[in-house]
N, C-alpha and C. Protein backbone atom coordinates (compact mmCIF):
# COMPACT_ATOMS: atom_id res chain seq x y z
N MET A 1 2.03 39.11 -82.52
CA MET A 1 0.88 38.37 -81.97
C MET A 1 0.96 38.29 -80.47
N GLY A 2 2.25 38.11 -79.99
CA GLY A 2 2.40 38.02 -78.54
C GLY A 2 2.00 39.30 -77.87
N SER A 3 2.22 40.45 -78.56
CA SER A 3 1.88 41.72 -77.92
C SER A 3 0.40 41.93 -77.82
N ARG A 4 -0.38 41.33 -78.76
CA ARG A 4 -1.84 41.50 -78.69
C ARG A 4 -2.45 40.64 -77.58
N LEU A 5 -1.81 39.54 -77.25
CA LEU A 5 -2.35 38.66 -76.20
C LEU A 5 -1.97 39.14 -74.81
N LEU A 6 -1.00 39.98 -74.73
CA LEU A 6 -0.49 40.38 -73.43
C LEU A 6 -1.53 41.05 -72.55
N PRO A 7 -2.33 42.04 -73.05
CA PRO A 7 -3.34 42.66 -72.17
C PRO A 7 -4.34 41.64 -71.65
N TYR A 8 -4.74 40.70 -72.53
CA TYR A 8 -5.70 39.67 -72.09
C TYR A 8 -5.09 38.81 -71.00
N SER A 9 -3.81 38.47 -71.19
CA SER A 9 -3.15 37.62 -70.20
C SER A 9 -3.07 38.33 -68.86
N ILE A 10 -2.80 39.61 -68.90
CA ILE A 10 -2.70 40.37 -67.64
C ILE A 10 -4.04 40.44 -66.95
N ARG A 11 -5.13 40.70 -67.78
CA ARG A 11 -6.47 40.78 -67.17
C ARG A 11 -6.87 39.43 -66.58
N ALA A 12 -6.49 38.33 -67.26
CA ALA A 12 -6.83 37.01 -66.74
C ALA A 12 -6.12 36.74 -65.42
N LEU A 13 -4.89 37.16 -65.37
CA LEU A 13 -4.14 36.96 -64.14
C LEU A 13 -4.70 37.77 -62.98
N GLU A 14 -5.22 38.98 -63.33
CA GLU A 14 -5.78 39.84 -62.28
C GLU A 14 -7.02 39.23 -61.66
N ARG A 15 -7.74 38.43 -62.50
CA ARG A 15 -8.97 37.81 -61.97
C ARG A 15 -8.69 36.56 -61.13
N LEU A 16 -7.48 36.03 -61.22
CA LEU A 16 -7.15 34.83 -60.43
C LEU A 16 -7.05 35.21 -58.95
N PRO A 17 -7.51 34.33 -58.06
CA PRO A 17 -7.40 34.62 -56.61
C PRO A 17 -5.95 34.64 -56.18
N THR A 18 -5.62 35.62 -55.42
CA THR A 18 -4.24 35.74 -54.94
C THR A 18 -4.10 34.97 -53.64
N ARG A 19 -2.99 34.27 -53.50
CA ARG A 19 -2.72 33.48 -52.28
C ARG A 19 -1.36 33.91 -51.73
N ALA A 20 -1.41 34.98 -51.06
CA ALA A 20 -0.15 35.49 -50.52
C ALA A 20 0.33 34.57 -49.42
N ALA A 21 1.59 34.18 -49.51
CA ALA A 21 2.15 33.26 -48.51
C ALA A 21 2.14 33.89 -47.13
N SER A 22 2.30 35.23 -47.14
CA SER A 22 2.38 35.89 -45.84
C SER A 22 1.04 35.96 -45.14
N SER A 23 -0.08 35.88 -45.96
CA SER A 23 -1.40 36.01 -45.34
C SER A 23 -1.94 34.68 -44.86
N ARG A 24 -1.32 33.57 -45.31
CA ARG A 24 -1.82 32.26 -44.87
C ARG A 24 -1.45 32.03 -43.41
N GLN A 25 -2.42 31.64 -42.63
CA GLN A 25 -2.18 31.39 -41.21
C GLN A 25 -2.03 29.89 -40.99
N VAL A 26 -0.86 29.51 -40.60
CA VAL A 26 -0.61 28.08 -40.34
C VAL A 26 -0.95 27.81 -38.89
N PRO A 27 -1.88 26.90 -38.69
CA PRO A 27 -2.25 26.62 -37.30
C PRO A 27 -1.05 26.11 -36.51
N SER A 28 -0.86 26.70 -35.35
CA SER A 28 0.26 26.28 -34.51
C SER A 28 -0.15 25.06 -33.70
N PRO A 29 0.77 24.18 -33.49
CA PRO A 29 0.42 22.98 -32.71
C PRO A 29 -0.01 23.35 -31.31
N ARG A 30 -1.00 22.63 -30.82
CA ARG A 30 -1.50 22.90 -29.48
C ARG A 30 -0.59 22.23 -28.45
N VAL A 31 -0.21 23.03 -27.50
CA VAL A 31 0.63 22.51 -26.44
C VAL A 31 -0.21 22.37 -25.20
N SER A 32 -0.30 21.17 -24.72
CA SER A 32 -1.11 20.93 -23.52
C SER A 32 -0.39 21.46 -22.31
N CYS A 33 -1.11 22.25 -21.54
CA CYS A 33 -0.53 22.81 -20.33
C CYS A 33 -0.94 22.03 -19.09
N GLN A 34 -1.66 20.95 -19.34
CA GLN A 34 -2.15 20.18 -18.20
C GLN A 34 -0.98 19.44 -17.57
N ALA A 35 -0.74 19.68 -16.32
CA ALA A 35 0.39 19.04 -15.63
C ALA A 35 -0.01 17.66 -15.13
N ARG A 36 0.86 16.72 -15.36
CA ARG A 36 0.61 15.38 -14.84
C ARG A 36 1.27 15.27 -13.47
N LEU A 37 0.51 15.60 -12.48
CA LEU A 37 1.06 15.68 -11.14
C LEU A 37 1.58 14.34 -10.65
N TYR A 38 0.92 13.28 -11.12
CA TYR A 38 1.30 11.98 -10.60
C TYR A 38 2.73 11.60 -10.99
N SER A 39 3.24 12.21 -12.04
CA SER A 39 4.58 11.86 -12.48
C SER A 39 5.66 12.58 -11.68
N SER A 40 5.30 13.67 -11.02
CA SER A 40 6.28 14.44 -10.28
C SER A 40 6.14 14.30 -8.78
N GLU A 41 5.03 13.79 -8.33
CA GLU A 41 4.81 13.66 -6.90
C GLU A 41 5.27 12.29 -6.42
N THR A 42 6.01 12.26 -5.31
CA THR A 42 6.45 11.01 -4.72
C THR A 42 5.48 10.62 -3.62
N PRO A 43 4.91 9.40 -3.67
CA PRO A 43 3.98 8.99 -2.64
C PRO A 43 4.64 9.07 -1.27
N GLN A 44 3.91 9.58 -0.31
CA GLN A 44 4.46 9.74 1.03
C GLN A 44 4.53 8.40 1.74
N SER A 45 5.68 8.11 2.34
CA SER A 45 5.86 6.84 3.04
C SER A 45 5.17 6.90 4.40
N PRO A 46 4.72 5.75 4.92
CA PRO A 46 4.18 5.73 6.27
C PRO A 46 5.26 6.20 7.25
N PRO A 47 4.90 6.93 8.30
CA PRO A 47 5.90 7.42 9.26
C PRO A 47 6.79 6.31 9.81
N LEU A 48 6.19 5.15 10.08
CA LEU A 48 6.97 4.04 10.64
C LEU A 48 8.02 3.56 9.64
N LEU A 49 7.68 3.56 8.36
CA LEU A 49 8.64 3.13 7.35
C LEU A 49 9.81 4.11 7.26
N SER A 50 9.51 5.39 7.40
CA SER A 50 10.58 6.40 7.39
C SER A 50 11.53 6.18 8.57
N LYS A 51 10.96 5.83 9.71
CA LYS A 51 11.78 5.54 10.90
C LYS A 51 12.66 4.31 10.66
N ILE A 52 12.06 3.28 10.06
CA ILE A 52 12.81 2.05 9.79
C ILE A 52 13.98 2.32 8.86
N LYS A 53 13.76 3.13 7.84
CA LYS A 53 14.84 3.46 6.90
C LYS A 53 15.95 4.25 7.59
N GLY A 54 15.55 5.15 8.49
CA GLY A 54 16.55 5.91 9.24
C GLY A 54 17.33 5.01 10.19
N ASP A 55 16.62 4.08 10.83
CA ASP A 55 17.27 3.16 11.77
C ASP A 55 18.20 2.19 11.04
N LEU A 56 17.91 1.91 9.77
CA LEU A 56 18.78 1.02 9.00
C LEU A 56 20.18 1.61 8.90
N LYS A 57 20.25 2.91 8.66
CA LYS A 57 21.56 3.57 8.57
C LYS A 57 22.30 3.51 9.91
N ALA A 58 21.54 3.70 10.99
CA ALA A 58 22.14 3.64 12.32
C ALA A 58 22.64 2.23 12.62
N ALA A 59 21.87 1.23 12.21
CA ALA A 59 22.26 -0.16 12.44
C ALA A 59 23.51 -0.52 11.64
N MET A 60 23.64 0.06 10.45
CA MET A 60 24.83 -0.19 9.63
C MET A 60 26.07 0.39 10.32
N ARG A 61 25.92 1.59 10.88
CA ARG A 61 27.06 2.21 11.58
C ARG A 61 27.42 1.42 12.83
N ALA A 62 26.39 0.91 13.52
CA ALA A 62 26.63 0.17 14.76
C ALA A 62 26.98 -1.30 14.50
N LYS A 63 26.88 -1.73 13.25
CA LYS A 63 27.13 -3.12 12.87
C LYS A 63 26.25 -4.08 13.66
N ASP A 64 24.98 -3.67 13.82
CA ASP A 64 23.98 -4.49 14.52
C ASP A 64 23.37 -5.44 13.48
N GLN A 65 23.95 -6.63 13.37
CA GLN A 65 23.56 -7.54 12.30
C GLN A 65 22.12 -8.02 12.41
N ALA A 66 21.66 -8.30 13.63
CA ALA A 66 20.28 -8.77 13.81
C ALA A 66 19.28 -7.71 13.34
N ARG A 67 19.52 -6.47 13.75
CA ARG A 67 18.61 -5.39 13.36
C ARG A 67 18.71 -5.11 11.86
N LEU A 68 19.91 -5.19 11.32
CA LEU A 68 20.08 -4.99 9.88
C LEU A 68 19.27 -6.01 9.08
N THR A 69 19.33 -7.27 9.50
CA THR A 69 18.60 -8.33 8.80
C THR A 69 17.11 -8.06 8.81
N VAL A 70 16.60 -7.67 9.97
CA VAL A 70 15.16 -7.41 10.12
C VAL A 70 14.73 -6.21 9.28
N LEU A 71 15.44 -5.11 9.41
CA LEU A 71 15.05 -3.88 8.71
C LEU A 71 15.16 -4.04 7.20
N ARG A 72 16.18 -4.72 6.75
CA ARG A 72 16.32 -4.95 5.30
C ARG A 72 15.18 -5.82 4.77
N SER A 73 14.78 -6.81 5.55
CA SER A 73 13.69 -7.68 5.10
C SER A 73 12.37 -6.91 5.02
N ILE A 74 12.15 -5.99 5.95
CA ILE A 74 10.92 -5.20 5.94
C ILE A 74 10.92 -4.22 4.77
N ILE A 75 12.03 -3.53 4.56
CA ILE A 75 12.12 -2.58 3.45
C ILE A 75 11.96 -3.30 2.12
N SER A 76 12.58 -4.47 1.99
CA SER A 76 12.45 -5.27 0.77
C SER A 76 11.00 -5.67 0.53
N ALA A 77 10.31 -6.07 1.60
CA ALA A 77 8.91 -6.49 1.47
C ALA A 77 8.02 -5.32 1.06
N THR A 78 8.29 -4.13 1.59
CA THR A 78 7.48 -2.96 1.22
C THR A 78 7.75 -2.56 -0.23
N ASN A 79 8.99 -2.69 -0.67
CA ASN A 79 9.32 -2.39 -2.07
C ASN A 79 8.62 -3.35 -3.01
N ASN A 80 8.57 -4.61 -2.63
CA ASN A 80 7.88 -5.61 -3.46
C ASN A 80 6.38 -5.34 -3.49
N ALA A 81 5.83 -4.95 -2.34
CA ALA A 81 4.39 -4.66 -2.27
C ALA A 81 4.03 -3.45 -3.13
N ALA A 82 4.97 -2.52 -3.27
CA ALA A 82 4.72 -1.31 -4.07
C ALA A 82 4.51 -1.64 -5.55
N LYS A 83 4.97 -2.80 -5.98
CA LYS A 83 4.82 -3.21 -7.37
C LYS A 83 3.53 -4.00 -7.61
N THR A 84 2.76 -4.18 -6.56
CA THR A 84 1.52 -4.94 -6.66
C THR A 84 0.31 -4.02 -6.55
N SER A 85 -0.87 -4.62 -6.54
CA SER A 85 -2.10 -3.83 -6.39
C SER A 85 -2.39 -3.49 -4.93
N SER A 86 -1.55 -3.96 -4.01
CA SER A 86 -1.75 -3.70 -2.58
C SER A 86 -0.49 -3.10 -1.95
N PRO A 87 -0.11 -1.89 -2.35
CA PRO A 87 1.07 -1.27 -1.75
C PRO A 87 0.83 -0.90 -0.30
N ILE A 88 1.90 -0.81 0.46
CA ILE A 88 1.79 -0.45 1.88
C ILE A 88 1.83 1.07 2.00
N LYS A 89 0.69 1.66 2.37
CA LYS A 89 0.56 3.11 2.42
C LYS A 89 0.38 3.66 3.83
N THR A 90 0.06 2.79 4.79
CA THR A 90 -0.22 3.26 6.15
C THR A 90 0.58 2.47 7.17
N ASP A 91 0.66 3.04 8.37
CA ASP A 91 1.33 2.34 9.46
C ASP A 91 0.58 1.06 9.84
N VAL A 92 -0.74 1.09 9.70
CA VAL A 92 -1.54 -0.10 10.03
C VAL A 92 -1.13 -1.27 9.13
N GLN A 93 -0.99 -0.99 7.83
CA GLN A 93 -0.56 -2.03 6.90
C GLN A 93 0.86 -2.49 7.20
N LEU A 94 1.70 -1.54 7.58
CA LEU A 94 3.09 -1.89 7.87
C LEU A 94 3.19 -2.74 9.14
N VAL A 95 2.41 -2.42 10.14
CA VAL A 95 2.41 -3.22 11.37
C VAL A 95 1.92 -4.64 11.08
N ALA A 96 0.93 -4.75 10.20
CA ALA A 96 0.45 -6.09 9.80
C ALA A 96 1.59 -6.88 9.16
N LEU A 97 2.42 -6.20 8.37
CA LEU A 97 3.58 -6.86 7.76
C LEU A 97 4.59 -7.27 8.83
N LEU A 98 4.79 -6.41 9.83
CA LEU A 98 5.70 -6.74 10.93
C LEU A 98 5.23 -7.99 11.66
N ARG A 99 3.92 -8.06 11.91
CA ARG A 99 3.36 -9.23 12.60
C ARG A 99 3.54 -10.50 11.77
N LYS A 100 3.29 -10.38 10.48
CA LYS A 100 3.41 -11.53 9.58
C LYS A 100 4.86 -12.02 9.54
N THR A 101 5.79 -11.07 9.46
CA THR A 101 7.21 -11.43 9.44
C THR A 101 7.63 -12.07 10.75
N ALA A 102 7.11 -11.54 11.85
CA ALA A 102 7.43 -12.10 13.17
C ALA A 102 6.95 -13.55 13.27
N ARG A 103 5.77 -13.83 12.74
CA ARG A 103 5.26 -15.21 12.77
C ARG A 103 6.17 -16.14 11.96
N ALA A 104 6.69 -15.63 10.85
CA ALA A 104 7.60 -16.44 10.02
C ALA A 104 8.88 -16.75 10.80
N PHE A 105 9.40 -15.75 11.52
CA PHE A 105 10.60 -15.98 12.32
C PHE A 105 10.31 -16.95 13.47
N GLN A 106 9.13 -16.84 14.06
CA GLN A 106 8.76 -17.74 15.15
C GLN A 106 8.65 -19.18 14.65
N ASP A 107 8.08 -19.34 13.47
CA ASP A 107 7.98 -20.69 12.88
C ASP A 107 9.37 -21.26 12.62
N ALA A 108 10.26 -20.41 12.13
CA ALA A 108 11.63 -20.85 11.87
C ALA A 108 12.33 -21.24 13.17
N ALA A 109 12.07 -20.46 14.23
CA ALA A 109 12.67 -20.76 15.53
C ALA A 109 12.19 -22.12 16.03
N GLY A 110 10.91 -22.42 15.81
CA GLY A 110 10.37 -23.72 16.22
C GLY A 110 11.03 -24.87 15.48
N GLU A 111 11.28 -24.69 14.19
CA GLU A 111 11.94 -25.73 13.40
C GLU A 111 13.38 -25.94 13.86
N PHE A 112 14.08 -24.84 14.16
CA PHE A 112 15.45 -24.96 14.64
C PHE A 112 15.50 -25.61 16.02
N ARG A 113 14.49 -25.32 16.83
CA ARG A 113 14.43 -25.93 18.16
C ARG A 113 14.26 -27.44 18.03
N ASP A 114 13.40 -27.86 17.13
CA ASP A 114 13.21 -29.30 16.91
C ASP A 114 14.48 -29.97 16.40
N ALA A 115 15.28 -29.19 15.67
CA ALA A 115 16.52 -29.73 15.11
C ALA A 115 17.70 -29.63 16.08
N GLY A 116 17.43 -29.06 17.27
CA GLY A 116 18.48 -28.94 18.27
C GLY A 116 19.47 -27.82 17.99
N ARG A 117 19.09 -26.84 17.17
CA ARG A 117 19.98 -25.72 16.85
C ARG A 117 19.62 -24.51 17.70
N GLN A 118 20.02 -24.54 18.96
CA GLN A 118 19.66 -23.48 19.88
C GLN A 118 20.27 -22.14 19.46
N ASP A 119 21.42 -22.18 18.80
CA ASP A 119 22.06 -20.94 18.36
C ASP A 119 21.17 -20.20 17.34
N LEU A 120 20.55 -20.97 16.44
CA LEU A 120 19.67 -20.37 15.44
C LEU A 120 18.32 -19.98 16.04
N VAL A 121 17.91 -20.72 17.07
CA VAL A 121 16.66 -20.36 17.77
C VAL A 121 16.81 -18.97 18.37
N GLU A 122 17.93 -18.73 19.03
CA GLU A 122 18.17 -17.44 19.67
C GLU A 122 18.24 -16.31 18.63
N LYS A 123 18.81 -16.62 17.48
CA LYS A 123 18.90 -15.63 16.40
C LYS A 123 17.51 -15.23 15.91
N GLU A 124 16.65 -16.22 15.67
CA GLU A 124 15.29 -15.94 15.19
C GLU A 124 14.48 -15.20 16.24
N GLU A 125 14.63 -15.59 17.49
CA GLU A 125 13.87 -14.95 18.57
C GLU A 125 14.32 -13.50 18.77
N ALA A 126 15.60 -13.24 18.56
CA ALA A 126 16.10 -11.85 18.65
C ALA A 126 15.46 -10.99 17.57
N GLN A 127 15.28 -11.56 16.39
CA GLN A 127 14.65 -10.83 15.29
C GLN A 127 13.17 -10.58 15.58
N VAL A 128 12.52 -11.55 16.21
CA VAL A 128 11.11 -11.38 16.59
C VAL A 128 10.97 -10.22 17.57
N ARG A 129 11.88 -10.14 18.53
CA ARG A 129 11.82 -9.06 19.53
C ARG A 129 11.98 -7.69 18.86
N ILE A 130 12.83 -7.61 17.87
CA ILE A 130 13.02 -6.34 17.15
C ILE A 130 11.74 -5.94 16.42
N LEU A 131 11.10 -6.90 15.77
CA LEU A 131 9.84 -6.63 15.07
C LEU A 131 8.76 -6.18 16.04
N GLU A 132 8.67 -6.84 17.17
CA GLU A 132 7.67 -6.48 18.18
C GLU A 132 7.94 -5.09 18.74
N GLU A 133 9.20 -4.74 18.83
CA GLU A 133 9.59 -3.41 19.31
C GLU A 133 9.03 -2.32 18.38
N TYR A 134 9.20 -2.51 17.08
CA TYR A 134 8.69 -1.53 16.12
C TYR A 134 7.17 -1.49 16.08
N ALA A 135 6.54 -2.65 16.22
CA ALA A 135 5.08 -2.69 16.23
C ALA A 135 4.53 -1.94 17.45
N ALA A 136 5.21 -2.13 18.60
CA ALA A 136 4.77 -1.49 19.84
C ALA A 136 4.95 0.03 19.79
N GLU A 137 5.98 0.49 19.07
CA GLU A 137 6.27 1.93 19.00
C GLU A 137 5.59 2.61 17.82
N SER A 138 4.78 1.88 17.08
CA SER A 138 4.17 2.42 15.86
C SER A 138 3.07 3.45 16.13
N GLY A 139 2.46 3.36 17.31
CA GLY A 139 1.34 4.24 17.60
C GLY A 139 0.01 3.67 17.14
N VAL A 140 0.06 2.53 16.46
CA VAL A 140 -1.17 1.86 16.01
C VAL A 140 -1.76 1.12 17.21
N GLU A 141 -3.05 1.35 17.43
CA GLU A 141 -3.72 0.74 18.58
C GLU A 141 -3.78 -0.78 18.45
N SER A 142 -3.34 -1.45 19.50
CA SER A 142 -3.36 -2.91 19.52
C SER A 142 -4.43 -3.40 20.49
N LEU A 143 -5.12 -4.47 20.11
CA LEU A 143 -6.19 -5.01 20.94
C LEU A 143 -5.84 -6.41 21.42
N GLY A 144 -6.11 -6.67 22.69
CA GLY A 144 -5.89 -8.00 23.24
C GLY A 144 -7.07 -8.92 22.94
N GLU A 145 -6.93 -10.17 23.30
CA GLU A 145 -7.98 -11.16 23.00
C GLU A 145 -9.29 -10.84 23.71
N VAL A 146 -9.19 -10.38 24.96
CA VAL A 146 -10.41 -10.06 25.72
C VAL A 146 -11.18 -8.93 25.04
N GLU A 147 -10.46 -7.90 24.61
CA GLU A 147 -11.10 -6.77 23.93
C GLU A 147 -11.70 -7.21 22.59
N LEU A 148 -10.97 -8.05 21.88
CA LEU A 148 -11.47 -8.54 20.59
C LEU A 148 -12.76 -9.33 20.76
N LYS A 149 -12.78 -10.19 21.75
CA LYS A 149 -13.98 -11.02 21.99
C LYS A 149 -15.19 -10.14 22.30
N ALA A 150 -14.98 -9.08 23.07
CA ALA A 150 -16.09 -8.19 23.42
C ALA A 150 -16.62 -7.47 22.17
N ILE A 151 -15.71 -7.01 21.33
CA ILE A 151 -16.12 -6.32 20.09
C ILE A 151 -16.85 -7.28 19.17
N ILE A 152 -16.33 -8.48 19.03
CA ILE A 152 -16.95 -9.49 18.17
C ILE A 152 -18.35 -9.82 18.66
N GLN A 153 -18.50 -9.96 19.95
CA GLN A 153 -19.81 -10.31 20.51
C GLN A 153 -20.83 -9.20 20.26
N ASN A 154 -20.39 -7.96 20.33
CA ASN A 154 -21.30 -6.84 20.06
C ASN A 154 -21.82 -6.88 18.62
N VAL A 155 -20.92 -7.19 17.69
CA VAL A 155 -21.32 -7.26 16.28
C VAL A 155 -22.25 -8.44 16.05
N ILE A 156 -21.97 -9.56 16.69
CA ILE A 156 -22.83 -10.74 16.56
C ILE A 156 -24.23 -10.44 17.08
N THR A 157 -24.31 -9.71 18.18
CA THR A 157 -25.60 -9.34 18.75
C THR A 157 -26.39 -8.45 17.79
N GLU A 158 -25.70 -7.51 17.15
CA GLU A 158 -26.35 -6.63 16.17
C GLU A 158 -26.92 -7.45 15.00
N ILE A 159 -26.13 -8.38 14.52
CA ILE A 159 -26.55 -9.19 13.37
C ILE A 159 -27.69 -10.12 13.74
N ALA A 160 -27.64 -10.66 14.95
CA ALA A 160 -28.71 -11.56 15.41
C ALA A 160 -30.05 -10.84 15.42
N ALA A 161 -30.03 -9.55 15.75
CA ALA A 161 -31.26 -8.76 15.78
C ALA A 161 -31.83 -8.55 14.39
N GLU A 162 -31.01 -8.75 13.37
CA GLU A 162 -31.46 -8.57 11.99
C GLU A 162 -31.95 -9.87 11.37
N SER A 163 -31.95 -10.94 12.16
CA SER A 163 -32.44 -12.25 11.71
C SER A 163 -31.71 -12.72 10.45
N LEU A 164 -30.40 -12.53 10.43
CA LEU A 164 -29.61 -12.96 9.28
C LEU A 164 -29.43 -14.47 9.31
N ASP A 165 -29.38 -15.07 8.13
CA ASP A 165 -29.15 -16.52 8.00
C ASP A 165 -27.88 -16.89 8.77
N LYS A 166 -27.98 -17.86 9.68
CA LYS A 166 -26.86 -18.22 10.54
C LYS A 166 -25.65 -18.72 9.76
N THR A 167 -25.90 -19.34 8.60
CA THR A 167 -24.79 -19.85 7.80
C THR A 167 -23.94 -18.72 7.22
N LYS A 168 -24.51 -17.53 7.14
CA LYS A 168 -23.79 -16.39 6.59
C LYS A 168 -23.29 -15.44 7.68
N GLN A 169 -23.53 -15.82 8.92
CA GLN A 169 -23.24 -14.91 10.03
C GLN A 169 -21.75 -14.60 10.17
N SER A 170 -20.91 -15.63 10.13
CA SER A 170 -19.47 -15.41 10.32
C SER A 170 -18.90 -14.45 9.28
N GLY A 171 -19.29 -14.65 8.03
CA GLY A 171 -18.80 -13.78 6.96
C GLY A 171 -19.25 -12.35 7.14
N GLU A 172 -20.49 -12.17 7.58
CA GLU A 172 -21.01 -10.82 7.79
C GLU A 172 -20.33 -10.15 8.97
N VAL A 173 -20.03 -10.93 10.01
CA VAL A 173 -19.34 -10.38 11.18
C VAL A 173 -17.96 -9.86 10.78
N MET A 174 -17.22 -10.67 10.04
CA MET A 174 -15.89 -10.27 9.58
C MET A 174 -15.97 -9.02 8.70
N LYS A 175 -16.96 -9.01 7.83
CA LYS A 175 -17.13 -7.87 6.92
C LYS A 175 -17.34 -6.58 7.71
N ARG A 176 -18.18 -6.63 8.72
CA ARG A 176 -18.47 -5.43 9.50
C ARG A 176 -17.30 -5.04 10.40
N LEU A 177 -16.60 -6.02 10.92
CA LEU A 177 -15.47 -5.74 11.80
C LEU A 177 -14.34 -5.02 11.06
N MET A 178 -14.05 -5.50 9.85
CA MET A 178 -12.90 -5.00 9.11
C MET A 178 -13.23 -3.87 8.13
N ALA A 179 -14.52 -3.53 8.02
CA ALA A 179 -14.94 -2.50 7.06
C ALA A 179 -14.35 -1.13 7.43
N LYS A 180 -14.28 -0.26 6.43
CA LYS A 180 -13.82 1.11 6.67
C LYS A 180 -14.74 1.78 7.68
N GLY A 181 -14.18 2.23 8.79
CA GLY A 181 -14.97 2.84 9.84
C GLY A 181 -15.53 1.83 10.81
N GLY A 182 -15.23 0.54 10.58
CA GLY A 182 -15.71 -0.52 11.46
C GLY A 182 -14.92 -0.56 12.76
N PRO A 183 -15.32 -1.44 13.69
CA PRO A 183 -14.67 -1.50 15.01
C PRO A 183 -13.17 -1.78 14.97
N LEU A 184 -12.73 -2.52 13.96
CA LEU A 184 -11.31 -2.89 13.90
C LEU A 184 -10.53 -2.12 12.83
N ASP A 185 -11.19 -1.17 12.19
CA ASP A 185 -10.50 -0.37 11.18
C ASP A 185 -9.39 0.45 11.83
N GLY A 186 -8.17 0.34 11.30
CA GLY A 186 -7.05 1.10 11.84
C GLY A 186 -6.44 0.51 13.09
N LYS A 187 -6.85 -0.70 13.45
CA LYS A 187 -6.32 -1.35 14.66
C LYS A 187 -5.28 -2.41 14.27
N ASP A 188 -4.38 -2.65 15.20
CA ASP A 188 -3.34 -3.67 15.01
C ASP A 188 -3.92 -5.02 15.44
N VAL A 189 -4.48 -5.74 14.48
CA VAL A 189 -5.07 -7.04 14.77
C VAL A 189 -4.63 -8.06 13.72
N ASP A 190 -4.57 -9.30 14.15
CA ASP A 190 -4.25 -10.40 13.24
C ASP A 190 -5.55 -10.91 12.64
N ARG A 191 -5.73 -10.73 11.36
CA ARG A 191 -6.99 -11.10 10.70
C ARG A 191 -7.31 -12.58 10.90
N ALA A 192 -6.28 -13.43 10.82
CA ALA A 192 -6.50 -14.87 11.00
C ALA A 192 -6.99 -15.17 12.42
N ALA A 193 -6.42 -14.48 13.40
CA ALA A 193 -6.83 -14.68 14.79
C ALA A 193 -8.26 -14.18 15.00
N VAL A 194 -8.59 -13.05 14.37
CA VAL A 194 -9.95 -12.50 14.47
C VAL A 194 -10.95 -13.48 13.86
N SER A 195 -10.62 -14.02 12.70
CA SER A 195 -11.51 -14.98 12.03
C SER A 195 -11.76 -16.20 12.91
N LYS A 196 -10.72 -16.67 13.56
CA LYS A 196 -10.86 -17.83 14.46
C LYS A 196 -11.79 -17.51 15.62
N LEU A 197 -11.62 -16.32 16.22
CA LEU A 197 -12.48 -15.93 17.34
C LEU A 197 -13.93 -15.74 16.90
N VAL A 198 -14.12 -15.23 15.69
CA VAL A 198 -15.47 -15.04 15.16
C VAL A 198 -16.17 -16.39 14.99
N LYS A 199 -15.47 -17.36 14.43
CA LYS A 199 -16.06 -18.69 14.23
C LYS A 199 -16.40 -19.35 15.56
N GLU A 200 -15.53 -19.16 16.54
CA GLU A 200 -15.79 -19.73 17.87
C GLU A 200 -17.01 -19.07 18.51
N ALA A 201 -17.11 -17.75 18.38
CA ALA A 201 -18.22 -17.02 19.01
C ALA A 201 -19.54 -17.27 18.30
N ALA A 202 -19.48 -17.49 16.99
CA ALA A 202 -20.71 -17.67 16.21
C ALA A 202 -21.23 -19.10 16.23
N SER A 203 -20.42 -20.02 16.71
CA SER A 203 -20.83 -21.44 16.69
C SER A 203 -21.78 -21.76 17.85
């Protein structure tokens, strides 16, 4: 009986679809060739920051404690800023940090002076001089009070011609002064001092 079924079984098998393992094409995983440049590129430091880092090594060799203290505080501040939404990317931003740090040292010197600690006053003032030295050598254009007042007055005159509400004038003046491409863009200026001069001129 088995021999009589054999031809039928063979014919049935012949009609079945063949699935040769060798003919099946297994899709290969797609490998993305897109390079993530941001992971391999190191953000370029401001030129002044590169100088400060180089001078730190020189100060260590010279055992210049005052300069070491100042440079370490600046590098630490820039490292902390890099972790925020406002990293220091330009010399203008770095000079602003130098000015801010100098004001902190000046305030400390005033407190020590009131306390009769002249030794600490001299220490703080020495650090201020170092900060001012780097700000002066940064190449960032610095403006004096007379120049600032003239620039502020020009902007106020422009706004006055536009019949802007006087209550909003100070804010608009600051906005135009500090805007990208504005008169004070890229300049070494103290924003708080500029704001004070604007309020005085607009009153």
